[in-house]
Amino acid sequence: MNKITRRQALGTTAGALTVLGIAGATAHAAATDSRAATTPAGTVDEVYMGRRIQIAPASGGGHHGGHHGGPGLPTVRIDGRELHVMQNADGTWISVVNHYETYSDPASLARAAVRELQGSQLAPMQMGGM
């Protein structure tokens, strides 16, 4: 008959608790870092890293009321402030937060902007002619 030593029992318990703790922390992070609401097709309303991301599909008048950019660009907001986005000819996306890195879709772009902002708020962009 094999007896389990106190040290072996404590080691097994600690290992199990560590695994459970990692799984619980991962589940909690997933629940708090990217909570997406059910929205109509083409829209996003989620909380990512504590910031609210909202994406609305393009309206018929184009982006920014039709005065800048091309038609078909979605409106992307972080905490209610608009993030100016542009679509490249190859279908990738860039924003004013980072013109040098491309993203496959507006949601990925918005999440990257949240990471890049590191808690800072977006400043309003002054667009327009002379």
C-alpha atoms as a PDB file:
ATOM      1  CA  MET A   1       0.000   0.000   0.000  1.00  0.00           C
ATOM      2  CA  ASN A   2       1.452   3.378  -1.046  1.00  0.00           C
ATOM      3  CA  LYS A   3       1.148   6.261   1.322  1.00  0.00           C
ATOM      4  CA  ILE A   4       1.017   9.789  -0.011  1.00  0.00           C
ATOM      5  CA  THR A   5       3.288  12.114   1.870  1.00  0.00           C
ATOM      6  CA  ARG A   6       2.095  15.460   3.083  1.00  0.00           C
ATOM      7  CA  ARG A   7       4.468  17.194   0.635  1.00  0.00           C
ATOM      8  CA  GLN A   8       3.065  15.226  -2.325  1.00  0.00           C
ATOM      9  CA  ALA A   9      -0.513  16.060  -1.328  1.00  0.00           C
ATOM     10  CA  LEU A  10       0.263  19.751  -0.976  1.00  0.00           C
ATOM     11  CA  GLY A  11       2.101  19.782  -4.301  1.00  0.00           C
ATOM     12  CA  THR A  12      -0.809  18.124  -6.101  1.00  0.00           C
ATOM     13  CA  THR A  13      -3.313  20.515  -4.507  1.00  0.00           C
ATOM     14  CA  ALA A  14      -1.203  23.557  -5.368  1.00  0.00           C
ATOM     15  CA  GLY A  15      -0.840  22.378  -8.968  1.00  0.00           C
ATOM     16  CA  ALA A  16      -4.584  21.837  -9.326  1.00  0.00           C
ATOM     17  CA  LEU A  17      -5.349  25.244  -7.824  1.00  0.00           C
ATOM     18  CA  THR A  18      -2.867  26.888 -10.194  1.00  0.00           C
ATOM     19  CA  VAL A  19      -4.522  25.285 -13.218  1.00  0.00           C
ATOM     20  CA  LEU A  20      -7.976  26.275 -11.966  1.00  0.00           C
ATOM     21  CA  GLY A  21      -6.770  29.801 -11.258  1.00  0.00           C
ATOM     22  CA  ILE A  22      -5.367  30.224 -14.763  1.00  0.00           C
ATOM     23  CA  ALA A  23      -8.555  28.870 -16.333  1.00  0.00           C
ATOM     24  CA  GLY A  24     -10.687  31.146 -14.148  1.00  0.00           C
ATOM     25  CA  ALA A  25      -8.569  34.202 -14.896  1.00  0.00           C
ATOM     26  CA  THR A  26      -8.720  33.478 -18.613  1.00  0.00           C
ATOM     27  CA  ALA A  27     -12.501  33.126 -18.515  1.00  0.00           C
ATOM     28  CA  HIS A  28     -12.809  36.342 -16.482  1.00  0.00           C
ATOM     29  CA  ALA A  29     -10.542  38.261 -18.874  1.00  0.00           C
ATOM     30  CA  ALA A  30     -12.542  37.070 -21.856  1.00  0.00           C
ATOM     31  CA  ALA A  31     -15.772  38.151 -20.184  1.00  0.00           C
ATOM     32  CA  THR A  32     -14.513  41.599 -19.176  1.00  0.00           C
ATOM     33  CA  ASP A  33     -12.169  42.519 -22.007  1.00  0.00           C
ATOM     34  CA  SER A  34     -14.363  41.901 -25.005  1.00  0.00           C
ATOM     35  CA  ARG A  35     -18.049  41.976 -24.189  1.00  0.00           C
ATOM     36  CA  ALA A  36     -19.937  42.228 -27.451  1.00  0.00           C
ATOM     37  CA  ALA A  37     -23.591  43.177 -27.483  1.00  0.00           C
ATOM     38  CA  THR A  38     -26.045  41.667 -29.904  1.00  0.00           C
ATOM     39  CA  THR A  39     -26.423  44.255 -32.641  1.00  0.00           C
ATOM     40  CA  PRO A  40     -27.836  44.469 -36.157  1.00  0.00           C
ATOM     41  CA  ALA A  41     -25.683  43.039 -38.943  1.00  0.00           C
ATOM     42  CA  GLY A  42     -22.564  45.056 -39.662  1.00  0.00           C
ATOM     43  CA  THR A  43     -22.439  46.818 -36.290  1.00  0.00           C
ATOM     44  CA  VAL A  44     -20.203  46.282 -33.284  1.00  0.00           C
ATOM     45  CA  ASP A  45     -20.868  47.377 -29.713  1.00  0.00           C
ATOM     46  CA  GLU A  46     -18.341  45.905 -27.302  1.00  0.00           C
ATOM     47  CA  VAL A  47     -16.130  46.699 -24.358  1.00  0.00           C
ATOM     48  CA  TYR A  48     -12.465  45.939 -24.992  1.00  0.00           C
ATOM     49  CA  MET A  49      -9.824  46.548 -22.309  1.00  0.00           C
ATOM     50  CA  GLY A  50     -12.334  48.720 -20.471  1.00  0.00           C
ATOM     51  CA  ARG A  51     -13.069  50.917 -23.509  1.00  0.00           C
ATOM     52  CA  ARG A  52     -16.335  50.940 -25.436  1.00  0.00           C
ATOM     53  CA  ILE A  53     -15.984  50.314 -29.157  1.00  0.00           C
ATOM     54  CA  GLN A  54     -18.932  51.066 -31.420  1.00  0.00           C
ATOM     55  CA  ILE A  55     -18.903  50.522 -35.165  1.00  0.00           C
ATOM     56  CA  ALA A  56     -21.828  51.458 -37.376  1.00  0.00           C
ATOM     57  CA  PRO A  57     -21.973  50.478 -41.019  1.00  0.00           C
ATOM     58  CA  ALA A  58     -21.710  53.179 -43.645  1.00  0.00           C
ATOM     59  CA  SER A  59     -24.785  55.221 -44.359  1.00  0.00           C
ATOM     60  CA  GLY A  60     -25.707  56.305 -47.869  1.00  0.00           C
ATOM     61  CA  GLY A  61     -24.034  59.712 -47.494  1.00  0.00           C
ATOM     62  CA  GLY A  62     -20.557  58.382 -46.876  1.00  0.00           C
ATOM     63  CA  HIS A  63     -18.244  58.794 -43.915  1.00  0.00           C
ATOM     64  CA  HIS A  64     -18.314  62.020 -41.868  1.00  0.00           C
ATOM     65  CA  GLY A  65     -21.555  63.127 -43.486  1.00  0.00           C
ATOM     66  CA  GLY A  66     -20.058  62.668 -46.918  1.00  0.00           C
ATOM     67  CA  HIS A  67     -17.451  65.461 -46.666  1.00  0.00           C
ATOM     68  CA  HIS A  68     -14.332  63.311 -46.228  1.00  0.00           C
ATOM     69  CA  GLY A  69     -13.269  59.882 -47.316  1.00  0.00           C
ATOM     70  CA  GLY A  70     -15.188  57.708 -49.668  1.00  0.00           C
ATOM     71  CA  PRO A  71     -18.654  56.282 -49.486  1.00  0.00           C
ATOM     72  CA  GLY A  72     -18.962  52.983 -47.689  1.00  0.00           C
ATOM     73  CA  LEU A  73     -16.701  53.715 -44.703  1.00  0.00           C
ATOM     74  CA  PRO A  74     -18.099  52.770 -41.311  1.00  0.00           C
ATOM     75  CA  THR A  75     -18.211  55.096 -38.327  1.00  0.00           C
ATOM     76  CA  VAL A  76     -15.871  53.826 -35.594  1.00  0.00           C
ATOM     77  CA  ARG A  77     -16.119  55.251 -32.070  1.00  0.00           C
ATOM     78  CA  ILE A  78     -14.042  54.636 -28.959  1.00  0.00           C
ATOM     79  CA  ASP A  79     -15.782  55.813 -25.793  1.00  0.00           C
ATOM     80  CA  GLY A  80     -18.097  57.897 -27.970  1.00  0.00           C
ATOM     81  CA  ARG A  81     -15.290  59.705 -29.798  1.00  0.00           C
ATOM     82  CA  GLU A  82     -14.877  59.089 -33.508  1.00  0.00           C
ATOM     83  CA  LEU A  83     -11.766  57.303 -34.733  1.00  0.00           C
ATOM     84  CA  HIS A  84     -11.022  58.391 -38.285  1.00  0.00           C
ATOM     85  CA  VAL A  85     -10.486  55.280 -40.418  1.00  0.00           C
ATOM     86  CA  MET A  86      -9.472  54.727 -44.014  1.00  0.00           C
ATOM     87  CA  GLN A  87      -9.612  51.685 -46.247  1.00  0.00           C
ATOM     88  CA  ASN A  88      -6.627  50.910 -48.451  1.00  0.00           C
ATOM     89  CA  ALA A  89      -6.925  49.740 -52.047  1.00  0.00           C
ATOM     90  CA  ASP A  90      -6.112  46.167 -50.963  1.00  0.00           C
ATOM     91  CA  GLY A  91      -9.067  46.132 -48.536  1.00  0.00           C
ATOM     92  CA  THR A  92      -7.015  46.573 -45.351  1.00  0.00           C
ATOM     93  CA  TRP A  93      -7.746  49.328 -42.833  1.00  0.00           C
ATOM     94  CA  ILE A  94      -5.653  52.066 -41.162  1.00  0.00           C
ATOM     95  CA  SER A  95      -6.508  54.818 -38.699  1.00  0.00           C
ATOM     96  CA  VAL A  96      -5.143  58.148 -37.558  1.00  0.00           C
ATOM     97  CA  VAL A  97      -3.810  56.407 -34.455  1.00  0.00           C
ATOM     98  CA  ASN A  98      -1.425  54.307 -36.557  1.00  0.00           C
ATOM     99  CA  HIS A  99      -1.008  54.858 -40.310  1.00  0.00           C
ATOM    100  CA  TYR A 100       1.800  52.306 -40.539  1.00  0.00           C
ATOM    101  CA  GLU A 101       0.038  49.109 -39.512  1.00  0.00           C
ATOM    102  CA  THR A 102      -2.865  47.637 -41.458  1.00  0.00           C
ATOM    103  CA  TYR A 103      -5.783  45.573 -40.164  1.00  0.00           C
ATOM    104  CA  SER A 104      -8.175  43.206 -41.880  1.00  0.00           C
ATOM    105  CA  ASP A 105     -11.375  44.778 -40.551  1.00  0.00           C
ATOM    106  CA  PRO A 106     -12.591  47.848 -38.609  1.00  0.00           C
ATOM    107  CA  ALA A 107     -13.097  45.882 -35.359  1.00  0.00           C
ATOM    108  CA  SER A 108      -9.462  44.680 -35.329  1.00  0.00           C
ATOM    109  CA  LEU A 109      -8.377  48.228 -36.140  1.00  0.00           C
ATOM    110  CA  ALA A 110     -10.421  49.677 -33.260  1.00  0.00           C
ATOM    111  CA  ARG A 111      -9.022  47.140 -30.769  1.00  0.00           C
ATOM    112  CA  ALA A 112      -5.470  47.983 -31.877  1.00  0.00           C
ATOM    113  CA  ALA A 113      -6.231  51.707 -31.441  1.00  0.00           C
ATOM    114  CA  VAL A 114      -7.429  51.030 -27.876  1.00  0.00           C
ATOM    115  CA  ARG A 115      -4.152  49.243 -27.114  1.00  0.00           C
ATOM    116  CA  GLU A 116      -2.110  52.039 -28.705  1.00  0.00           C
ATOM    117  CA  LEU A 117      -3.979  54.785 -26.834  1.00  0.00           C
ATOM    118  CA  GLN A 118      -2.955  53.229 -23.508  1.00  0.00           C
ATOM    119  CA  GLY A 119      -5.858  54.887 -21.690  1.00  0.00           C
ATOM    120  CA  SER A 120      -5.667  58.256 -23.467  1.00  0.00           C
ATOM    121  CA  GLN A 121      -8.781  59.756 -25.031  1.00  0.00           C
ATOM    122  CA  LEU A 122      -9.068  60.393 -28.753  1.00  0.00           C
ATOM    123  CA  ALA A 123      -8.704  64.071 -29.627  1.00  0.00           C
ATOM    124  CA  PRO A 124     -11.260  65.458 -32.090  1.00  0.00           C
ATOM    125  CA  MET A 125      -9.972  65.819 -35.636  1.00  0.00           C
ATOM    126  CA  GLN A 126     -10.506  69.133 -37.371  1.00  0.00           C
ATOM    127  CA  MET A 127     -11.422  68.243 -40.930  1.00  0.00           C
ATOM    128  CA  GLY A 128     -12.350  70.717 -43.592  1.00  0.00           C
ATOM    129  CA  GLY A 129     -11.122  73.149 -46.155  1.00  0.00           C
ATOM    130  CA  MET A 130      -9.852  76.684 -45.924  1.00  0.00           C
END
